[in-house]
Amino acid sequence: MAPEHPERPERPAPDLPGLVPGQEIGPLARFPGLPRWVRVPNVPDTALPEVPEYECRRVRLPPPIDGRIDGEPWFRAAWSPAFGRIDDGSAAQPSTRVALLWDEAHLSAAWRVEDPDVRGTTGVHHEQVYVKDDDVELFVEGDGGYYELGLNPINTVNEFRWTWVEPLVDRGDKARLDELFMVSDFVYYAARPGEPLGRVGEMDFDLPGLRHAVRVQGTLNHPDDVDEGWTVTVALPWAGLQAVSTGGRGFPPKPGDVLRIQSYRAYHDRSVEGRLADDGSTVLTPFEGRTWSTMGNHNVHNPERWVRVRFTDEPL
């Protein structure tokens, strides 16, 4: 008989801002301040607001990616309501809104972010921008995985490609499993209740052809005046997003198709006294999640609660 597995030794959890109470994490060896694995809470069995539906209109040409939203075609796009608090959907200020458009080659998104004190300090590609700065994020579900994009006010990008492990095992995709297990920097989200396996997030993934731009309406990193906020525009090539849809359903979508898409904002309350980061480089302040669709807790990674986005052939 094989010996029983020993009990996992107790060890203190990393001190991560925004950590959900009761959430289990394992530190990442290369980046001690980040989790290596996470056991995230599932959608709670409580009454939640209905998942929104959104009609994504088609444009003949992709919008310019320059951070501007005051001209064509964004001023005629359908803008979301202001994001609510991630856990219960209650009103949250300052406000955040998102709009989507599509064409044969791209999914385009824009954000209008109100922020009286615009700050941006994280300048390293793939650093977790939300830990130190406000950011806006976009999640796009594919067939067998999803893409996560985050941007801060100085246009620093953080990306993940998330892959569900169970479909790969079910279809015997050994090549993709090998590829996942050889990724040098990844996060493993442990299986939720009812799932035999979890998902892997590749931290060094770069979406091919991604374009993005940010404009600040105010004075960056100057807390002594009052800013209006910042605006963001991005273009995600469907050909690049194919990397998160490996189960047979391809991109681009056809008119009438529905995809699950979510948008998130990390809001740092600068009026709250922060603490120095472990390396002493900056002050970390608590942040709060705001989302387009209410998640029921502080976990944005449950796609069944993401917005149902229907792609229409009707021109803008």
Protein backbone atom coordinates (compact mmCIF):
# COMPACT_ATOMS: atom_id res chain seq x y z
CA MET A 1 0.00 0.00 0.00
CA ALA A 2 1.32 3.41 -0.89
CA PRO A 3 1.96 5.67 2.07
CA GLU A 4 -0.55 8.41 2.73
CA HIS A 5 0.36 11.86 1.51
CA PRO A 6 1.74 13.94 4.38
CA GLU A 7 -0.20 16.99 5.48
CA ARG A 8 0.76 20.13 3.60
CA PRO A 9 2.96 22.23 5.89
CA GLU A 10 1.49 25.49 7.09
CA ARG A 11 3.11 28.61 5.68
CA PRO A 12 2.09 32.24 5.77
CA ALA A 13 0.31 33.59 2.71
CA PRO A 14 1.98 36.38 0.76
CA ASP A 15 0.78 39.84 1.76
CA LEU A 16 -1.15 40.72 -1.40
CA PRO A 17 -3.37 43.81 -1.58
CA GLY A 18 -6.95 42.94 -2.43
CA LEU A 19 -6.68 39.31 -1.27
CA VAL A 20 -10.13 37.83 -0.73
CA PRO A 21 -10.67 36.66 2.88
CA GLY A 22 -10.37 32.89 3.04
CA GLN A 23 -8.73 32.64 -0.38
CA GLU A 24 -5.90 30.11 -0.55
CA ILE A 25 -2.79 30.97 -2.53
CA GLY A 26 0.67 29.60 -3.15
CA PRO A 27 3.57 31.99 -3.79
CA LEU A 28 5.22 32.13 -7.20
CA ALA A 29 8.90 31.29 -6.91
CA ARG A 30 10.18 33.88 -9.40
CA PHE A 31 7.80 36.59 -8.15
CA PRO A 32 7.32 36.06 -4.40
CA GLY A 33 4.64 38.74 -4.22
CA LEU A 34 2.40 36.90 -6.71
CA PRO A 35 0.47 33.64 -6.33
CA ARG A 36 1.65 30.44 -8.01
CA TRP A 37 -1.68 28.77 -7.49
CA VAL A 38 -5.01 30.10 -6.28
CA ARG A 39 -8.20 28.48 -5.03
CA VAL A 40 -10.79 31.09 -5.90
CA PRO A 41 -14.36 31.22 -4.60
CA ASN A 42 -17.18 30.05 -6.84
CA VAL A 43 -20.29 32.09 -7.68
CA PRO A 44 -22.31 32.19 -4.44
CA ASP A 45 -25.76 30.66 -4.27
CA THR A 46 -27.46 33.97 -3.57
CA ALA A 47 -29.72 36.33 -5.48
CA LEU A 48 -27.66 38.40 -7.92
CA PRO A 49 -28.53 40.97 -10.58
CA GLU A 50 -29.28 39.48 -13.98
CA VAL A 51 -26.30 39.02 -16.26
CA PRO A 52 -26.42 41.92 -18.74
CA GLU A 53 -26.81 41.47 -22.47
CA TYR A 54 -25.06 43.78 -24.92
CA GLU A 55 -25.40 44.26 -28.67
CA CYS A 56 -22.00 44.73 -30.30
CA ARG A 57 -22.43 46.71 -33.52
CA ARG A 58 -20.33 46.22 -36.61
CA VAL A 59 -18.08 48.85 -38.22
CA ARG A 60 -16.64 48.79 -41.72
CA LEU A 61 -13.17 49.76 -40.52
CA PRO A 62 -11.63 49.38 -37.05
CA PRO A 63 -11.57 52.59 -34.98
CA PRO A 64 -8.27 54.46 -34.67
CA ILE A 65 -6.32 53.31 -31.63
CA ASP A 66 -5.26 56.65 -30.15
CA GLY A 67 -7.00 56.76 -26.77
CA ARG A 68 -9.64 59.20 -28.05
CA ILE A 69 -13.33 58.42 -27.56
CA ASP A 70 -14.88 61.81 -28.43
CA GLY A 71 -15.08 61.24 -32.19
CA GLU A 72 -16.13 58.58 -34.68
CA PRO A 73 -17.09 55.91 -34.07
CA TRP A 74 -17.08 55.82 -30.24
CA PHE A 75 -19.49 58.67 -29.62
CA ARG A 76 -22.17 56.63 -31.44
CA ALA A 77 -21.32 53.28 -29.83
CA ALA A 78 -23.47 51.72 -27.10
CA TRP A 79 -21.78 52.49 -23.78
CA SER A 80 -22.32 50.27 -20.77
CA PRO A 81 -23.91 51.54 -17.59
CA ALA A 82 -21.43 52.63 -14.91
CA PHE A 83 -19.70 49.61 -13.37
CA GLY A 84 -20.95 48.46 -9.98
CA ARG A 85 -19.09 46.88 -7.10
CA ILE A 86 -17.94 43.43 -8.11
CA ASP A 87 -19.61 41.58 -5.26
CA ASP A 88 -23.12 43.07 -5.17
CA GLY A 89 -23.41 45.48 -8.11
CA SER A 90 -24.06 48.50 -5.90
CA ALA A 91 -23.21 51.96 -7.19
CA ALA A 92 -19.51 52.81 -7.26
CA GLN A 93 -17.85 56.17 -7.80
CA PRO A 94 -15.88 57.39 -9.64
CA SER A 95 -17.56 55.78 -12.63
CA THR A 96 -16.21 53.46 -15.31
CA ARG A 97 -17.90 52.63 -18.63
CA VAL A 98 -16.94 50.43 -21.58
CA ALA A 99 -18.07 50.13 -25.21
CA LEU A 100 -17.40 47.43 -27.82
CA LEU A 101 -17.37 47.37 -31.64
CA TRP A 102 -16.31 44.72 -34.13
CA ASP A 103 -15.28 44.18 -37.72
CA GLU A 104 -14.03 41.15 -39.65
CA ALA A 105 -10.51 41.51 -38.28
CA HIS A 106 -10.85 42.98 -34.77
CA LEU A 107 -12.76 43.25 -31.54
CA SER A 108 -12.37 46.88 -30.43
CA ALA A 109 -13.01 48.25 -26.93
CA ALA A 110 -12.94 51.68 -25.32
CA TRP A 111 -13.19 52.85 -21.71
CA ARG A 112 -14.19 56.15 -20.11
CA VAL A 113 -12.60 56.18 -16.64
CA GLU A 114 -13.42 58.94 -14.16
CA ASP A 115 -10.53 59.52 -11.77
CA PRO A 116 -9.87 62.70 -9.75
CA ASP A 117 -6.26 61.63 -9.08
CA VAL A 118 -4.78 59.81 -12.08
CA ARG A 119 -1.62 57.93 -11.17
CA GLY A 120 0.49 55.40 -13.04
CA THR A 121 3.71 53.86 -11.75
CA THR A 122 3.87 50.34 -13.15
CA GLY A 123 5.86 50.43 -16.38
CA VAL A 124 7.04 46.83 -16.86
CA HIS A 125 5.18 44.74 -19.43
CA HIS A 126 3.36 41.81 -17.79
CA GLU A 127 3.71 43.21 -14.27
CA GLN A 128 0.42 42.91 -12.39
CA VAL A 129 -0.63 46.52 -12.95
CA TYR A 130 -3.71 46.41 -10.68
CA VAL A 131 -1.59 45.85 -7.55
CA LYS A 132 -0.15 49.38 -7.62
CA ASP A 133 -2.33 51.31 -10.08
CA ASP A 134 -5.90 51.70 -11.18
CA ASP A 135 -6.42 49.62 -14.29
CA VAL A 136 -9.13 48.57 -16.71
CA GLU A 137 -9.39 44.96 -17.80
CA LEU A 138 -11.11 42.96 -20.52
CA PHE A 139 -11.89 39.24 -20.46
CA VAL A 140 -12.90 37.46 -23.68
CA GLU A 141 -14.04 33.84 -23.54
CA GLY A 142 -13.02 31.41 -26.26
CA ASP A 143 -13.68 27.70 -26.67
CA GLY A 144 -11.50 26.04 -24.05
CA GLY A 145 -10.02 29.19 -22.55
CA TYR A 146 -10.14 32.96 -22.29
CA TYR A 147 -7.98 36.03 -22.71
CA GLU A 148 -7.32 38.60 -19.98
CA LEU A 149 -6.00 42.10 -20.70
CA GLY A 150 -5.24 44.88 -18.23
CA LEU A 151 -3.99 48.45 -18.85
CA ASN A 152 -3.05 51.24 -16.46
CA PRO A 153 -3.04 55.04 -17.07
CA ILE A 154 0.47 54.98 -18.56
CA ASN A 155 -0.49 52.29 -21.10
CA THR A 156 1.35 49.41 -19.42
CA VAL A 157 -0.15 46.06 -20.41
CA ASN A 158 -0.62 42.86 -18.45
CA GLU A 159 -1.90 39.81 -20.33
CA PHE A 160 -2.88 36.22 -19.57
CA ARG A 161 -3.97 33.32 -21.71
CA TRP A 162 -6.15 31.05 -19.58
CA THR A 163 -6.69 27.42 -20.59
CA TRP A 164 -9.14 24.98 -18.99
CA VAL A 165 -7.30 21.70 -18.38
CA GLU A 166 -10.26 19.30 -18.44
CA PRO A 167 -11.15 19.69 -22.16
CA LEU A 168 -7.51 18.99 -23.09
CA VAL A 169 -7.56 15.77 -21.06
CA ASP A 170 -10.96 14.75 -22.44
CA ARG A 171 -9.80 14.99 -26.05
CA GLY A 172 -6.30 13.67 -25.35
CA ASP A 173 -4.52 16.81 -26.49
CA LYS A 174 -1.13 15.76 -25.19
CA ALA A 175 0.76 18.35 -27.21
CA ARG A 176 -1.14 21.24 -25.62
CA LEU A 177 -0.86 19.69 -22.15
CA ASP A 178 2.90 19.36 -22.60
CA GLU A 179 3.04 22.96 -23.78
CA LEU A 180 1.19 24.14 -20.66
CA PHE A 181 3.39 22.18 -18.27
CA MET A 182 6.51 23.65 -19.87
CA VAL A 183 5.39 27.27 -19.40
CA SER A 184 7.94 28.98 -17.16
CA ASP A 185 5.63 31.53 -15.51
CA PHE A 186 2.03 30.58 -14.91
CA VAL A 187 -0.73 30.62 -12.32
CA TYR A 188 -2.87 27.56 -11.67
CA TYR A 189 -6.47 28.19 -10.64
CA ALA A 190 -7.53 25.07 -8.78
CA ALA A 191 -10.75 23.31 -9.72
CA ARG A 192 -13.96 24.89 -8.47
CA PRO A 193 -16.69 22.75 -6.88
CA GLY A 194 -18.05 20.41 -9.52
CA GLU A 195 -14.92 20.56 -11.68
CA PRO A 196 -12.36 17.73 -11.76
CA LEU A 197 -9.61 20.03 -13.02
CA GLY A 198 -8.82 23.74 -13.01
CA ARG A 199 -7.19 26.19 -15.41
CA VAL A 200 -3.74 27.53 -16.20
CA GLY A 201 -2.95 31.20 -16.82
CA GLU A 202 0.17 31.90 -18.87
CA MET A 203 1.76 35.08 -17.53
CA ASP A 204 4.04 35.76 -20.51
CA PHE A 205 1.40 35.46 -23.23
CA ASP A 206 1.39 38.26 -25.83
CA LEU A 207 -1.71 38.58 -27.97
CA PRO A 208 -0.45 38.79 -31.56
CA GLY A 209 -1.30 42.12 -33.16
CA LEU A 210 -2.69 43.77 -30.00
CA ARG A 211 -2.86 47.59 -30.23
CA HIS A 212 -3.68 49.92 -27.33
CA ALA A 213 -3.54 53.60 -26.37
CA VAL A 214 -4.34 55.74 -23.32
CA ARG A 215 -5.01 59.48 -22.90
CA VAL A 216 -5.07 61.25 -19.53
CA GLN A 217 -7.51 64.09 -18.98
CA GLY A 218 -5.62 65.84 -16.22
CA THR A 219 -2.14 65.81 -14.72
CA LEU A 220 -0.53 62.42 -14.24
CA ASN A 221 0.92 61.68 -10.78
CA HIS A 222 0.09 65.11 -9.39
CA PRO A 223 -2.28 64.69 -6.43
CA ASP A 224 -2.54 68.43 -5.69
CA ASP A 225 -5.03 69.10 -8.50
CA VAL A 226 -8.28 67.45 -9.55
CA ASP A 227 -8.23 65.37 -12.73
CA GLU A 228 -11.10 64.36 -14.98
CA GLY A 229 -9.86 60.83 -15.66
CA TRP A 230 -8.43 58.78 -18.52
CA THR A 231 -9.63 57.07 -21.67
CA VAL A 232 -8.47 53.88 -23.37
CA THR A 233 -8.88 52.30 -26.80
CA VAL A 234 -7.74 48.81 -27.80
CA ALA A 235 -7.96 46.53 -30.83
CA LEU A 236 -7.80 42.76 -30.35
CA PRO A 237 -7.26 40.83 -33.61
CA TRP A 238 -9.56 37.86 -33.98
CA ALA A 239 -6.63 35.95 -35.45
CA GLY A 240 -4.73 36.46 -32.19
CA LEU A 241 -7.72 35.53 -30.04
CA GLN A 242 -7.83 32.19 -31.85
CA ALA A 243 -5.10 31.18 -29.39
CA VAL A 244 -7.74 31.02 -26.61
CA SER A 245 -10.30 29.15 -28.70
CA THR A 246 -8.79 25.77 -29.44
CA GLY A 247 -11.86 23.58 -28.91
CA GLY A 248 -13.32 23.93 -32.40
CA ARG A 249 -15.26 27.23 -32.29
CA GLY A 250 -13.20 29.78 -34.13
CA PHE A 251 -12.99 33.54 -34.44
CA PRO A 252 -14.23 35.89 -35.78
CA PRO A 253 -17.80 35.38 -34.61
CA LYS A 254 -20.65 35.27 -37.07
CA PRO A 255 -23.55 37.74 -36.86
CA GLY A 256 -25.89 36.45 -34.17
CA ASP A 257 -23.16 34.68 -32.20
CA VAL A 258 -22.90 35.33 -28.45
CA LEU A 259 -19.63 35.52 -26.53
CA ARG A 260 -19.07 35.94 -22.81
CA ILE A 261 -17.08 39.13 -22.18
CA GLN A 262 -16.36 40.93 -18.91
CA SER A 263 -14.74 44.24 -18.03
CA TYR A 264 -13.23 45.16 -14.68
CA ARG A 265 -11.67 48.18 -13.01
CA ALA A 266 -9.34 48.10 -10.02
CA TYR A 267 -10.01 51.29 -8.07
CA HIS A 268 -7.38 52.44 -5.58
CA ASP A 269 -8.69 54.75 -2.87
CA ARG A 270 -5.78 57.17 -2.47
CA SER A 271 -7.37 58.73 0.61
CA VAL A 272 -6.59 55.54 2.55
CA GLU A 273 -3.11 55.29 4.01
CA GLY A 274 -1.11 52.72 2.09
CA ARG A 275 1.98 50.71 2.89
CA LEU A 276 5.38 50.43 1.29
CA ALA A 277 5.89 47.60 -1.16
CA ASP A 278 8.32 44.90 -0.08
CA ASP A 279 11.04 46.42 -2.24
CA GLY A 280 10.35 49.90 -0.82
CA SER A 281 9.71 51.27 -4.30
CA THR A 282 6.17 52.55 -3.94
CA VAL A 283 3.18 52.84 -1.66
CA LEU A 284 0.50 50.18 -2.09
CA THR A 285 -3.09 51.19 -1.38
CA PRO A 286 -6.12 48.91 -1.00
CA PHE A 287 -8.10 48.47 -4.19
CA GLU A 288 -11.69 47.58 -4.92
CA GLY A 289 -13.03 45.76 -7.96
CA ARG A 290 -15.81 47.23 -10.11
CA THR A 291 -17.33 45.21 -12.95
CA TRP A 292 -19.72 45.46 -15.87
CA SER A 293 -21.52 42.32 -14.67
CA THR A 294 -21.88 41.56 -10.95
CA MET A 295 -19.84 38.51 -9.87
CA GLY A 296 -21.36 37.89 -6.41
CA ASN A 297 -17.96 37.90 -4.68
CA HIS A 298 -14.52 39.35 -5.33
CA ASN A 299 -13.58 36.82 -8.02
CA VAL A 300 -13.88 38.03 -11.61
CA HIS A 301 -12.78 34.68 -13.07
CA ASN A 302 -16.15 32.89 -13.27
CA PRO A 303 -17.20 33.27 -16.94
CA GLU A 304 -20.80 32.19 -16.34
CA ARG A 305 -21.35 35.65 -14.79
CA TRP A 306 -19.81 37.59 -17.69
CA VAL A 307 -21.88 39.75 -20.04
CA ARG A 308 -23.59 38.00 -22.94
CA VAL A 309 -22.35 39.96 -25.95
CA ARG A 310 -24.30 39.40 -29.16
CA PHE A 311 -22.57 40.35 -32.41
CA THR A 312 -24.87 42.01 -34.90
CA ASP A 313 -24.34 42.69 -38.59
CA GLU A 314 -26.25 45.96 -38.27
CA PRO A 315 -23.82 48.78 -39.04
CA LEU A 316 -23.16 51.44 -36.47
